[in-house]
C-alpha atoms as a PDB file:
ATOM      1  CA  MET A   1     -90.327   1.174-187.068  1.00  0.00           C
ATOM      2  CA  VAL A   2     -93.351   2.687-188.337  1.00  0.00           C
ATOM      3  CA  ALA A   3     -93.122   5.800-190.511  1.00  0.00           C
ATOM      4  CA  LYS A   4     -94.845   9.038-189.279  1.00  0.00           C
ATOM      5  CA  ASN A   5     -96.824   8.854-192.234  1.00  0.00           C
ATOM      6  CA  GLU A   6     -98.464   5.884-191.577  1.00  0.00           C
ATOM      7  CA  VAL A   7     -98.875   6.964-187.676  1.00  0.00           C
ATOM      8  CA  ILE A   8    -100.765   9.475-188.875  1.00  0.00           C
ATOM      9  CA  GLU A   9    -102.424   7.682-191.474  1.00  0.00           C
ATOM     10  CA  PHE A  10    -103.910   5.071-188.814  1.00  0.00           C
ATOM     11  CA  LEU A  11    -105.043   8.259-186.291  1.00  0.00           C
ATOM     12  CA  HIS A  12    -106.780   9.637-189.660  1.00  0.00           C
ATOM     13  CA  GLN A  13    -108.672   6.172-190.169  1.00  0.00           C
ATOM     14  CA  SER A  14    -109.295   5.652-186.483  1.00  0.00           C
ATOM     15  CA  ILE A  15    -110.766   8.859-185.758  1.00  0.00           C
ATOM     16  CA  SER A  16    -112.759   8.320-189.328  1.00  0.00           C
ATOM     17  CA  ASP A  17    -114.336   5.064-187.645  1.00  0.00           C
ATOM     18  CA  THR A  18    -115.062   6.579-184.519  1.00  0.00           C
ATOM     19  CA  GLN A  19    -116.866   9.044-186.296  1.00  0.00           C
ATOM     20  CA  GLN A  20    -118.805   6.219-187.950  1.00  0.00           C
ATOM     21  CA  THR A  21    -119.768   4.338-185.124  1.00  0.00           C
ATOM     22  CA  ILE A  22    -120.323   7.322-183.238  1.00  0.00           C
ATOM     23  CA  ARG A  23    -123.208   7.673-186.008  1.00  0.00           C
ATOM     24  CA  ALA A  24    -124.267   4.550-185.717  1.00  0.00           C
ATOM     25  CA  ILE A  25    -125.227   4.728-182.197  1.00  0.00           C
ATOM     26  CA  ASP A  26    -127.105   7.485-182.833  1.00  0.00           C
ATOM     27  CA  VAL A  27    -129.301   6.200-186.115  1.00  0.00           C
ATOM     28  CA  LYS A  28    -129.813   3.201-183.350  1.00  0.00           C
ATOM     29  CA  THR A  29    -131.132   5.458-181.171  1.00  0.00           C
ATOM     30  CA  GLY A  30    -133.149   7.552-183.279  1.00  0.00           C
ATOM     31  CA  PHE A  31    -134.522   3.992-184.236  1.00  0.00           C
ATOM     32  CA  MET A  32    -135.602   2.907-180.425  1.00  0.00           C
ATOM     33  CA  PHE A  33    -137.717   6.787-180.248  1.00  0.00           C
ATOM     34  CA  LEU A  34    -139.508   5.319-182.817  1.00  0.00           C
ATOM     35  CA  LEU A  35    -140.480   2.166-180.963  1.00  0.00           C
ATOM     36  CA  LEU A  36    -141.540   4.278-177.880  1.00  0.00           C
ATOM     37  CA  PHE A  37    -143.554   6.520-179.829  1.00  0.00           C
ATOM     38  CA  ALA A  38    -145.196   4.022-181.559  1.00  0.00           C
ATOM     39  CA  PRO A  39    -148.358   3.918-179.339  1.00  0.00           C
ATOM     40  CA  LEU A  40    -148.982   7.372-179.171  1.00  0.00           C
ATOM     41  CA  PRO A  41    -151.648   7.418-181.935  1.00  0.00           C
ATOM     42  CA  ILE A  42    -153.663   5.023-179.648  1.00  0.00           C
ATOM     43  CA  ALA A  43    -152.365   6.858-176.417  1.00  0.00           C
ATOM     44  CA  GLN A  44    -156.276   7.639-175.494  1.00  0.00           C
ATOM     45  CA  GLN A  45    -157.551   4.571-175.906  1.00  0.00           C
ATOM     46  CA  ILE A  46    -154.540   2.734-173.476  1.00  0.00           C
ATOM     47  CA  TYR A  47    -154.980   5.569-170.990  1.00  0.00           C
ATOM     48  CA  ASP A  48    -159.038   4.844-170.794  1.00  0.00           C
ATOM     49  CA  HIS A  49    -158.183   0.957-170.882  1.00  0.00           C
ATOM     50  CA  ALA A  50    -155.801   1.721-168.223  1.00  0.00           C
ATOM     51  CA  LEU A  51    -158.241   3.328-166.592  1.00  0.00           C
ATOM     52  CA  THR A  52    -161.226   1.344-166.746  1.00  0.00           C
ATOM     53  CA  ASP A  53    -160.319  -2.033-167.028  1.00  0.00           C
ATOM     54  CA  CYS A  54    -156.559  -2.254-164.986  1.00  0.00           C
ATOM     55  CA  HIS A  55    -157.666  -1.188-162.274  1.00  0.00           C
ATOM     56  CA  LYS A  56    -159.661  -4.490-161.303  1.00  0.00           C
ATOM     57  CA  SER A  57    -156.646  -5.646-159.231  1.00  0.00           C
ATOM     58  CA  VAL A  58    -154.034  -3.910-157.325  1.00  0.00           C
ATOM     59  CA  PHE A  59    -151.582  -6.066-159.281  1.00  0.00           C
ATOM     60  CA  GLY A  60    -153.150  -4.722-162.600  1.00  0.00           C
ATOM     61  CA  LEU A  61    -152.840  -1.493-160.886  1.00  0.00           C
ATOM     62  CA  ILE A  62    -148.869  -1.892-160.271  1.00  0.00           C
ATOM     63  CA  VAL A  63    -148.560  -2.518-163.911  1.00  0.00           C
ATOM     64  CA  VAL A  64    -149.746  -0.104-165.433  1.00  0.00           C
ATOM     65  CA  ILE A  65    -147.810   2.650-163.143  1.00  0.00           C
ATOM     66  CA  ALA A  66    -144.722   0.747-163.856  1.00  0.00           C
ATOM     67  CA  ALA A  67    -145.385   0.418-167.538  1.00  0.00           C
ATOM     68  CA  VAL A  68    -145.536   4.328-167.712  1.00  0.00           C
ATOM     69  CA  PHE A  69    -142.544   5.221-165.215  1.00  0.00           C
ATOM     70  CA  THR A  70    -140.395   2.637-167.431  1.00  0.00           C
ATOM     71  CA  TRP A  71    -142.282   4.351-170.856  1.00  0.00           C
ATOM     72  CA  VAL A  72    -140.741   7.496-168.858  1.00  0.00           C
ATOM     73  CA  LEU A  73    -137.615   6.833-167.707  1.00  0.00           C
ATOM     74  CA  ALA A  74    -136.664   5.218-171.212  1.00  0.00           C
ATOM     75  CA  VAL A  75    -137.689   8.328-173.161  1.00  0.00           C
ATOM     76  CA  ILE A  76    -135.330  10.582-170.908  1.00  0.00           C
ATOM     77  CA  MET A  77    -132.823   8.240-171.316  1.00  0.00           C
ATOM     78  CA  GLN A  78    -132.982   8.325-175.286  1.00  0.00           C
ATOM     79  CA  PHE A  79    -132.686  11.846-175.232  1.00  0.00           C
ATOM     80  CA  ILE A  80    -129.810  11.997-172.794  1.00  0.00           C
ATOM     81  CA  ALA A  81    -128.174   9.099-175.318  1.00  0.00           C
ATOM     82  CA  LEU A  82    -129.039  11.565-178.355  1.00  0.00           C
ATOM     83  CA  ALA A  83    -127.152  14.790-176.383  1.00  0.00           C
ATOM     84  CA  VAL A  84    -124.462  15.939-178.349  1.00  0.00           C
ATOM     85  CA  VAL A  85    -121.167  16.245-176.477  1.00  0.00           C
ATOM     86  CA  ILE A  86    -119.439  19.552-176.545  1.00  0.00           C
ATOM     87  CA  ASP A  87    -115.736  19.710-176.562  1.00  0.00           C
ATOM     88  CA  PRO A  88    -114.276  17.075-174.139  1.00  0.00           C
ATOM     89  CA  GLY A  89    -110.868  18.434-174.288  1.00  0.00           C
ATOM     90  CA  ASP A  90    -111.407  19.075-170.797  1.00  0.00           C
ATOM     91  CA  LYS A  91    -111.810  15.287-170.186  1.00  0.00           C
ATOM     92  CA  VAL A  92    -108.525  14.298-171.521  1.00  0.00           C
ATOM     93  CA  LEU A  93    -105.153  14.345-169.671  1.00  0.00           C
ATOM     94  CA  ARG A  94    -104.064  16.975-172.635  1.00  0.00           C
ATOM     95  CA  PRO A  95    -100.513  16.502-173.855  1.00  0.00           C
ATOM     96  CA  LEU A  96     -98.072  18.881-174.112  1.00  0.00           C
ATOM     97  CA  GLY A  97     -98.415  20.926-177.117  1.00  0.00           C
ATOM     98  CA  ALA A  98    -102.042  19.717-178.223  1.00  0.00           C
ATOM     99  CA  THR A  99    -103.838  22.583-179.220  1.00  0.00           C
ATOM    100  CA  GLY A 100    -107.030  20.951-180.580  1.00  0.00           C
ATOM    101  CA  SER A 101    -106.759  22.498-183.397  1.00  0.00           C
ATOM    102  CA  PHE A 102    -107.923  19.677-185.498  1.00  0.00           C
ATOM    103  CA  PHE A 103    -111.891  20.115-185.164  1.00  0.00           C
ATOM    104  CA  SER A 104    -111.504  23.769-183.088  1.00  0.00           C
ATOM    105  CA  GLY A 105    -113.474  22.729-180.254  1.00  0.00           C
ATOM    106  CA  GLY A 106    -114.581  25.617-178.201  1.00  0.00           C
ATOM    107  CA  LEU A 107    -113.354  28.288-181.073  1.00  0.00           C
ATOM    108  CA  PHE A 108    -117.304  29.061-181.184  1.00  0.00           C
ATOM    109  CA  SER A 109    -119.755  29.717-178.113  1.00  0.00           C
ATOM    110  CA  PHE A 110    -123.396  30.838-178.360  1.00  0.00           C
ATOM    111  CA  ASN A 111    -126.086  31.591-175.957  1.00  0.00           C
ATOM    112  CA  PHE A 112    -129.764  30.439-176.481  1.00  0.00           C
ATOM    113  CA  ILE A 113    -130.291  33.607-179.115  1.00  0.00           C
ATOM    114  CA  GLU A 114    -127.424  32.868-180.847  1.00  0.00           C
ATOM    115  CA  ALA A 115    -127.569  29.214-181.403  1.00  0.00           C
ATOM    116  CA  ILE A 116    -130.929  29.508-182.989  1.00  0.00           C
ATOM    117  CA  CYS A 117    -129.792  33.028-185.063  1.00  0.00           C
ATOM    118  CA  GLY A 118    -126.029  32.536-185.322  1.00  0.00           C
ATOM    119  CA  SER A 119    -125.619  35.722-186.641  1.00  0.00           C
ATOM    120  CA  LYS A 120    -123.786  37.319-183.402  1.00  0.00           C
ATOM    121  CA  ALA A 121    -121.075  34.909-182.777  1.00  0.00           C
ATOM    122  CA  LEU A 122    -117.713  35.829-183.413  1.00  0.00           C
ATOM    123  CA  SER A 123    -114.498  33.028-183.247  1.00  0.00           C
ATOM    124  CA  LYS A 124    -112.785  33.084-179.843  1.00  0.00           C
ATOM    125  CA  ARG A 125    -108.971  33.412-182.197  1.00  0.00           C
ATOM    126  CA  THR A 126    -108.411  35.539-184.932  1.00  0.00           C
ATOM    127  CA  LEU A 127    -107.113  33.337-188.196  1.00  0.00           C
ATOM    128  CA  ASP A 128    -103.204  34.345-187.466  1.00  0.00           C
ATOM    129  CA  GLU A 129    -104.231  32.816-184.122  1.00  0.00           C
ATOM    130  CA  GLN A 130    -105.931  29.836-185.619  1.00  0.00           C
ATOM    131  CA  VAL A 131    -103.201  29.260-188.038  1.00  0.00           C
ATOM    132  CA  GLU A 132    -100.302  29.293-185.307  1.00  0.00           C
ATOM    133  CA  LEU A 133    -102.252  26.786-183.490  1.00  0.00           C
ATOM    134  CA  LEU A 134    -101.747  24.204-186.301  1.00  0.00           C
ATOM    135  CA  PRO A 135     -98.983  21.718-186.278  1.00  0.00           C
ATOM    136  CA  LYS A 136     -95.515  22.773-187.763  1.00  0.00           C
ATOM    137  CA  ASN A 137     -94.321  18.788-188.340  1.00  0.00           C
ATOM    138  CA  ASP A 138     -95.146  15.361-188.128  1.00  0.00           C
ATOM    139  CA  ASP A 139     -94.646  15.070-184.291  1.00  0.00           C
ATOM    140  CA  GLU A 140     -97.137  17.997-183.576  1.00  0.00           C
ATOM    141  CA  ILE A 141     -99.520  16.106-186.409  1.00  0.00           C
ATOM    142  CA  VAL A 142     -99.157  13.225-184.413  1.00  0.00           C
ATOM    143  CA  ARG A 143     -99.992  14.700-181.323  1.00  0.00           C
ATOM    144  CA  GLU A 144    -103.333  16.544-181.898  1.00  0.00           C
ATOM    145  CA  LEU A 145    -104.682  13.561-184.180  1.00  0.00           C
ATOM    146  CA  THR A 146    -103.875  11.472-180.611  1.00  0.00           C
ATOM    147  CA  PHE A 147    -105.754  14.511-178.781  1.00  0.00           C
ATOM    148  CA  GLU A 148    -109.185  14.280-181.068  1.00  0.00           C
ATOM    149  CA  ARG A 149    -108.966  10.133-181.111  1.00  0.00           C
ATOM    150  CA  MET A 150    -108.822  10.338-177.439  1.00  0.00           C
ATOM    151  CA  LYS A 151    -111.540  12.944-177.637  1.00  0.00           C
ATOM    152  CA  LEU A 152    -113.729  11.351-179.867  1.00  0.00           C
ATOM    153  CA  SER A 153    -113.355   8.016-177.751  1.00  0.00           C
ATOM    154  CA  PHE A 154    -114.756  10.074-174.694  1.00  0.00           C
ATOM    155  CA  ILE A 155    -117.080  10.533-177.117  1.00  0.00           C
ATOM    156  CA  LEU A 156    -118.087   7.042-178.462  1.00  0.00           C
ATOM    157  CA  ILE A 157    -117.949   5.298-174.637  1.00  0.00           C
ATOM    158  CA  LEU A 158    -120.013   7.923-173.141  1.00  0.00           C
ATOM    159  CA  LYS A 159    -122.583   7.881-175.804  1.00  0.00           C
ATOM    160  CA  ALA A 160    -122.415   3.702-175.675  1.00  0.00           C
ATOM    161  CA  THR A 161    -122.919   3.787-171.907  1.00  0.00           C
ATOM    162  CA  ARG A 162    -126.297   6.231-172.499  1.00  0.00           C
ATOM    163  CA  SER A 163    -127.459   3.632-175.250  1.00  0.00           C
ATOM    164  CA  ARG A 164    -127.158   0.617-173.543  1.00  0.00           C
ATOM    165  CA  PHE A 165    -128.739   2.389-170.660  1.00  0.00           C
ATOM    166  CA  ALA A 166    -131.470   3.674-173.022  1.00  0.00           C
ATOM    167  CA  ILE A 167    -131.836  -0.132-174.857  1.00  0.00           C
ATOM    168  CA  LEU A 168    -132.262  -1.345-170.840  1.00  0.00           C
ATOM    169  CA  PHE A 169    -134.740   1.029-170.407  1.00  0.00           C
ATOM    170  CA  THR A 170    -136.932   0.167-173.292  1.00  0.00           C
ATOM    171  CA  ALA A 171    -136.578  -3.087-173.240  1.00  0.00           C
ATOM    172  CA  VAL A 172    -138.049  -3.060-169.511  1.00  0.00           C
ATOM    173  CA  TRP A 173    -140.402  -0.705-170.829  1.00  0.00           C
ATOM    174  CA  PHE A 174    -141.629  -3.325-173.094  1.00  0.00           C
ATOM    175  CA  SER A 175    -141.727  -5.864-171.058  1.00  0.00           C
ATOM    176  CA  VAL A 176    -143.540  -4.144-168.512  1.00  0.00           C
ATOM    177  CA  SER A 177    -145.796  -3.344-171.155  1.00  0.00           C
ATOM    178  CA  LEU A 178    -145.971  -7.403-172.690  1.00  0.00           C
ATOM    179  CA  ILE A 179    -147.328  -7.964-168.595  1.00  0.00           C
ATOM    180  CA  LEU A 180    -149.896  -5.330-168.718  1.00  0.00           C
ATOM    181  CA  CYS A 181    -151.374  -7.027-171.905  1.00  0.00           C
ATOM    182  CA  LEU A 182    -151.369 -10.643-170.432  1.00  0.00           C
ATOM    183  CA  VAL A 183    -152.291  -8.982-166.769  1.00  0.00           C
ATOM    184  CA  ASP A 184    -155.009  -7.435-168.926  1.00  0.00           C
ATOM    185  CA  ARG A 185    -156.040 -11.059-170.255  1.00  0.00           C
ATOM    186  CA  LEU A 186    -156.432 -12.839-167.337  1.00  0.00           C
ATOM    187  CA  ILE A 187    -158.624 -10.013-165.511  1.00  0.00           C
END
């Protein structure tokens, strides 16, 4: 039988690894943003060229429209992939007694102004109430850590899925842009 302290250590390591993987996905998404915005310094030249040379054929026009459409879609998906997931505790079938005290999600909530200034927001619980939510024994620690691990799994899977679609749309945009270059050479 596995000792409770080994289970607790396992859960801590699992939480840490999951957080690192989520960060890696966000870094990859940031890199994809750089790729998407790389053509912006020459956007005027691309626009002028698309208006003059690529309108010579219907196919060229379709490819230009497809390139713009897929670029916009890729940018939107990159933003969605980077979006913060706030307190996914309601996505987990909460085990009996799990309070979410590990990360204390939902302890603070901010409106738009408070998000900018951060000065007026007060915690939803007092210090004593927060202390009461802390686990009292090894079983409760395991329950809390497992709950947090499940919430992080939700975030990881959601971000990985969003990132996969963002990369797919970026690859489609890149492919359509290459086709646009080839069409330009042939026209």
